[in-house]
Amino acid sequence: MKLLGTVRAKKSPRVTAMAVVALAVVGVSLAAPAVLPADCHAQTRRSVPPTARYVSGNGQAFILDTSGSRALMRFERSTEVWVLRPTPAPRGDIIYRNDNGDQVLKVTPDGGVTLYTTAAPQGSPVSRVGDAQGLASATLTGAQLVDYFMRQSYRASQAMGRLIVIDVDIQPGSEQVAAETVSAASDAIVRMARASNLRGQVERVRRVVVSDQGRPGVTLVQGTLRIVIDADAGMAGRPSSARIVRVVAGDALNR
């Protein structure tokens, strides 16, 4: 099978340092603490569902991890871990949103959970069906990290039918968050490539650059999708695929 994707590193002192670190075990970044209004903390504590596997009324299964300072969520058959931010809502409910502002979960004071997705925009009741392990990223060796970047690049290239170059330009200590970011970018590209209303907008993406230098954010300029991460914030320091899709689609619509 011909490999369409590739990962390139810039010839610079910072990347040289990254190559050295790749020989050691890559650690797991910790999520930053959630920030809530003072009067919401006690209510949120009472409303936090346990870490477990859940299934919605329409059959969507997911794992929710509330063991850390931020709620994490991953749908089954997906590799992306979503970082959810709680906000207070009427009647004492807590709404959990992703970094794109989309409502994902609603938790009532008595512990009832409702899932909101494109398949169920009005919400689908959720039931706990079993225990689950937390969603903290597994530790990767240097060789595993390079292989992971290559596989994500290949996945995006295969979806587009042409080469999608991935450049990772980071300092030691940012490897794990960079890996999560590359995965989210690949997810976004694959999702847009498969959607008839988004395919034309993602066609302009030729290259993905992940960096830990500068102000965190996502931009698309002259075919380069540039993502700046905040490695110190852990999973919360990188964008979700939904946010990347919004930037790519929005950039195309504004042209």
Protein backbone atom coordinates (compact mmCIF):
# COMPACT_ATOMS: atom_id res chain seq x y z
CA MET A 1 0.00 0.00 0.00
CA LYS A 2 1.43 3.35 -1.01
CA LEU A 3 1.90 5.81 1.85
CA LEU A 4 0.27 9.12 0.93
CA GLY A 5 0.87 10.95 4.18
CA THR A 6 4.10 12.24 5.59
CA VAL A 7 5.41 14.03 8.66
CA ARG A 8 8.15 16.60 8.29
CA ALA A 9 10.19 18.37 10.94
CA LYS A 10 11.93 21.70 10.51
CA LYS A 11 15.71 21.80 10.83
CA SER A 12 15.92 23.97 13.91
CA PRO A 13 17.39 23.72 17.44
CA ARG A 14 13.90 23.33 18.95
CA VAL A 15 13.05 20.39 16.70
CA THR A 16 16.45 18.84 17.28
CA ALA A 17 15.62 18.92 20.99
CA MET A 18 12.32 17.25 20.22
CA ALA A 19 14.14 14.46 18.37
CA VAL A 20 16.27 13.80 21.44
CA VAL A 21 13.20 13.65 23.66
CA ALA A 22 11.64 11.18 21.23
CA LEU A 23 14.10 8.60 22.54
CA ALA A 24 12.56 8.80 25.99
CA VAL A 25 9.09 8.04 27.29
CA VAL A 26 6.58 10.78 26.57
CA GLY A 27 4.63 11.87 29.65
CA VAL A 28 0.93 12.64 29.97
CA SER A 29 -0.13 16.27 30.21
CA LEU A 30 -2.52 17.27 32.97
CA ALA A 31 -5.75 19.12 32.28
CA ALA A 32 -6.14 22.67 33.60
CA PRO A 33 -8.73 23.29 36.33
CA ALA A 34 -12.21 24.30 35.32
CA VAL A 35 -13.36 27.82 36.08
CA LEU A 36 -16.94 28.32 37.26
CA PRO A 37 -18.87 31.06 38.96
CA ALA A 38 -18.58 30.76 42.74
CA ASP A 39 -22.26 29.93 43.24
CA CYS A 40 -22.03 27.12 40.68
CA HIS A 41 -19.34 24.96 42.30
CA ALA A 42 -21.54 23.29 44.91
CA GLN A 43 -24.32 22.67 42.41
CA THR A 44 -21.88 21.18 39.91
CA ARG A 45 -20.44 18.82 42.51
CA ARG A 46 -23.90 17.44 43.22
CA SER A 47 -24.64 17.07 39.49
CA VAL A 48 -21.44 15.41 38.26
CA PRO A 49 -22.20 11.91 36.96
CA PRO A 50 -19.65 9.18 37.75
CA THR A 51 -16.92 8.00 35.41
CA ALA A 52 -18.60 5.22 33.42
CA ARG A 53 -19.82 3.94 30.07
CA TYR A 54 -23.14 5.42 28.96
CA VAL A 55 -25.61 4.74 26.14
CA SER A 56 -28.19 7.21 24.86
CA GLY A 57 -31.74 6.38 23.86
CA ASN A 58 -30.78 6.38 20.17
CA GLY A 59 -27.95 3.90 20.75
CA GLN A 60 -24.89 6.17 20.90
CA ALA A 61 -22.39 4.85 23.42
CA PHE A 62 -19.66 6.90 25.05
CA ILE A 63 -17.32 7.02 28.02
CA LEU A 64 -17.52 9.97 30.38
CA ASP A 65 -14.55 10.60 32.66
CA THR A 66 -15.23 12.98 35.55
CA SER A 67 -12.29 11.89 37.70
CA GLY A 68 -10.17 14.94 36.89
CA SER A 69 -10.58 18.68 37.04
CA ARG A 70 -12.28 18.71 33.63
CA ALA A 71 -14.87 16.31 32.28
CA LEU A 72 -13.59 14.22 29.37
CA MET A 73 -15.75 12.31 26.89
CA ARG A 74 -15.09 9.87 24.05
CA PHE A 75 -17.65 8.26 21.76
CA GLU A 76 -17.14 4.58 21.04
CA ARG A 77 -15.45 3.86 17.69
CA SER A 78 -13.80 7.29 17.87
CA THR A 79 -10.31 8.25 19.02
CA GLU A 80 -11.06 11.87 19.88
CA VAL A 81 -11.36 12.85 23.53
CA TRP A 82 -13.56 15.90 24.09
CA VAL A 83 -12.86 18.34 26.89
CA LEU A 84 -16.17 19.57 28.31
CA ARG A 85 -16.74 22.80 30.20
CA PRO A 86 -19.64 23.03 32.69
CA THR A 87 -21.90 26.09 32.85
CA PRO A 88 -24.99 26.69 35.03
CA ALA A 89 -28.44 26.54 33.45
CA PRO A 90 -32.04 27.15 34.59
CA ARG A 91 -33.64 24.83 37.17
CA GLY A 92 -30.25 23.92 38.59
CA ASP A 93 -29.13 22.01 35.50
CA ILE A 94 -25.50 21.94 34.37
CA ILE A 95 -24.71 22.17 30.66
CA TYR A 96 -21.45 20.67 29.41
CA ARG A 97 -20.12 22.25 26.20
CA ASN A 98 -17.12 21.60 23.98
CA ASP A 99 -14.62 24.30 22.99
CA ASN A 100 -16.76 25.16 19.96
CA GLY A 101 -19.61 26.18 22.29
CA ASP A 102 -21.78 23.21 21.30
CA GLN A 103 -24.02 21.75 23.99
CA VAL A 104 -23.01 18.11 24.48
CA LEU A 105 -24.52 17.02 27.79
CA LYS A 106 -27.11 18.26 30.23
CA VAL A 107 -27.07 17.01 33.82
CA THR A 108 -29.99 17.63 36.15
CA PRO A 109 -29.65 18.09 39.94
CA ASP A 110 -30.89 14.53 40.50
CA GLY A 111 -28.24 13.09 38.16
CA GLY A 112 -30.24 12.66 34.95
CA VAL A 113 -28.10 12.95 31.80
CA THR A 114 -29.14 14.00 28.29
CA LEU A 115 -26.88 13.75 25.22
CA TYR A 116 -27.05 16.29 22.36
CA THR A 117 -25.59 15.40 18.95
CA THR A 118 -26.27 16.13 15.29
CA ALA A 119 -28.27 12.90 15.23
CA ALA A 120 -30.31 13.99 18.27
CA PRO A 121 -30.25 17.82 18.38
CA GLN A 122 -33.24 17.91 20.75
CA GLY A 123 -31.47 15.60 23.17
CA SER A 124 -31.57 11.89 23.96
CA PRO A 125 -31.79 10.49 27.53
CA VAL A 126 -28.72 8.61 28.69
CA SER A 127 -28.34 5.51 30.86
CA ARG A 128 -25.27 4.29 32.68
CA VAL A 129 -24.47 0.77 31.48
CA GLY A 130 -21.16 -0.11 33.09
CA ASP A 131 -17.86 0.94 34.60
CA ALA A 132 -15.08 2.46 32.52
CA GLN A 133 -11.48 3.50 32.87
CA GLY A 134 -10.47 7.14 32.71
CA LEU A 135 -9.59 8.79 29.41
CA ALA A 136 -6.12 10.11 30.23
CA SER A 137 -3.88 9.63 27.19
CA ALA A 138 -1.66 6.58 27.19
CA THR A 139 2.09 7.09 27.41
CA LEU A 140 3.86 6.95 24.04
CA THR A 141 7.49 6.18 23.29
CA GLY A 142 9.34 8.31 20.78
CA ALA A 143 8.99 5.66 18.05
CA GLN A 144 5.28 5.26 18.78
CA LEU A 145 4.80 9.02 18.58
CA VAL A 146 6.40 9.28 15.13
CA ASP A 147 4.37 6.29 13.94
CA TYR A 148 1.21 7.93 15.29
CA PHE A 149 1.89 11.16 13.38
CA MET A 150 2.46 9.16 10.20
CA ARG A 151 -0.78 7.21 10.58
CA GLN A 152 -2.80 10.36 11.17
CA SER A 153 -1.25 12.02 8.14
CA TYR A 154 -2.03 8.96 6.04
CA ARG A 155 -5.63 8.91 7.28
CA ALA A 156 -6.18 12.54 6.29
CA SER A 157 -4.42 12.06 2.94
CA GLN A 158 -6.49 8.99 2.13
CA ALA A 159 -9.73 10.86 2.85
CA MET A 160 -8.69 13.71 0.55
CA GLY A 161 -7.18 11.51 -2.16
CA ARG A 162 -3.96 13.54 -2.11
CA LEU A 163 -1.06 14.39 0.15
CA ILE A 164 -1.73 16.18 3.45
CA VAL A 165 1.61 17.15 4.99
CA ILE A 166 1.84 17.35 8.77
CA ASP A 167 4.61 19.45 10.34
CA VAL A 168 5.10 19.27 14.11
CA ASP A 169 7.23 22.13 15.45
CA ILE A 170 7.32 21.84 19.24
CA GLN A 171 9.52 21.96 22.30
CA PRO A 172 10.18 19.04 24.70
CA GLY A 173 7.18 18.48 26.95
CA SER A 174 4.55 19.26 24.30
CA GLU A 175 4.57 15.88 22.58
CA GLN A 176 1.41 14.41 24.07
CA VAL A 177 -0.76 17.47 23.44
CA ALA A 178 0.67 17.70 19.93
CA ALA A 179 -0.37 14.10 19.30
CA GLU A 180 -3.92 14.86 20.48
CA THR A 181 -3.96 17.91 18.20
CA VAL A 182 -2.82 16.02 15.12
CA SER A 183 -5.56 13.46 15.78
CA ALA A 184 -8.22 16.19 16.07
CA ALA A 185 -7.01 17.83 12.86
CA SER A 186 -7.17 14.52 11.01
CA ASP A 187 -10.66 13.87 12.37
CA ALA A 188 -11.78 17.29 11.13
CA ILE A 189 -10.33 16.76 7.65
CA VAL A 190 -11.86 13.29 7.32
CA ARG A 191 -15.26 14.51 8.51
CA MET A 192 -15.29 17.44 6.07
CA ALA A 193 -14.03 15.28 3.19
CA ARG A 194 -16.98 12.91 3.67
CA ALA A 195 -19.62 15.65 3.91
CA SER A 196 -20.96 16.91 0.58
CA ASN A 197 -21.57 20.40 1.98
CA LEU A 198 -18.06 20.69 3.45
CA ARG A 199 -15.85 18.90 0.92
CA GLY A 200 -15.26 21.98 -1.18
CA GLN A 201 -14.23 24.01 1.86
CA VAL A 202 -11.59 21.54 3.07
CA GLU A 203 -10.09 21.17 -0.42
CA ARG A 204 -7.88 24.18 0.25
CA VAL A 205 -6.09 22.50 3.16
CA ARG A 206 -2.71 21.26 1.96
CA ARG A 207 -0.65 21.28 5.11
CA VAL A 208 -1.18 21.05 8.87
CA VAL A 209 1.30 22.73 11.20
CA VAL A 210 1.18 22.13 14.96
CA SER A 211 3.27 24.46 17.11
CA ASP A 212 3.58 25.39 20.76
CA GLN A 213 4.93 28.87 20.07
CA GLY A 214 2.66 31.89 20.00
CA ARG A 215 -0.91 32.56 20.99
CA PRO A 216 -3.06 29.39 21.02
CA GLY A 217 -5.55 29.27 18.17
CA VAL A 218 -6.46 27.87 14.77
CA THR A 219 -5.96 29.65 11.43
CA LEU A 220 -6.06 28.71 7.75
CA VAL A 221 -3.84 30.82 5.51
CA GLN A 222 -2.83 29.96 1.94
CA GLY A 223 -3.55 26.26 2.36
CA THR A 224 -1.78 25.89 5.72
CA LEU A 225 -3.91 24.93 8.70
CA ARG A 226 -1.88 26.23 11.62
CA ILE A 227 -2.73 25.13 15.15
CA VAL A 228 -0.94 26.66 18.12
CA ILE A 229 -1.34 24.71 21.35
CA ASP A 230 -0.89 25.44 25.05
CA ALA A 231 0.81 22.30 26.28
CA ASP A 232 0.69 23.43 29.92
CA ALA A 233 -3.13 23.18 29.81
CA GLY A 234 -3.08 19.52 28.78
CA MET A 235 -6.05 18.33 26.71
CA ALA A 236 -7.75 21.67 27.29
CA GLY A 237 -4.84 23.36 25.52
CA ARG A 238 -5.69 22.04 22.07
CA PRO A 239 -8.76 22.53 19.84
CA SER A 240 -11.39 19.90 19.19
CA SER A 241 -12.21 18.69 15.68
CA ALA A 242 -15.48 20.68 15.87
CA ARG A 243 -13.58 23.91 16.39
CA ILE A 244 -11.20 23.10 13.55
CA VAL A 245 -14.13 22.38 11.23
CA ARG A 246 -15.69 25.71 12.17
CA VAL A 247 -12.49 27.60 11.37
CA VAL A 248 -11.95 25.89 8.02
CA ALA A 249 -15.60 26.23 6.99
CA GLY A 250 -15.85 29.78 8.25
CA ASP A 251 -12.67 30.83 6.49
CA ALA A 252 -14.01 29.47 3.20
CA LEU A 253 -17.34 31.22 3.60
CA ASN A 254 -15.66 34.54 4.36
CA ARG A 255 -13.63 34.54 1.18
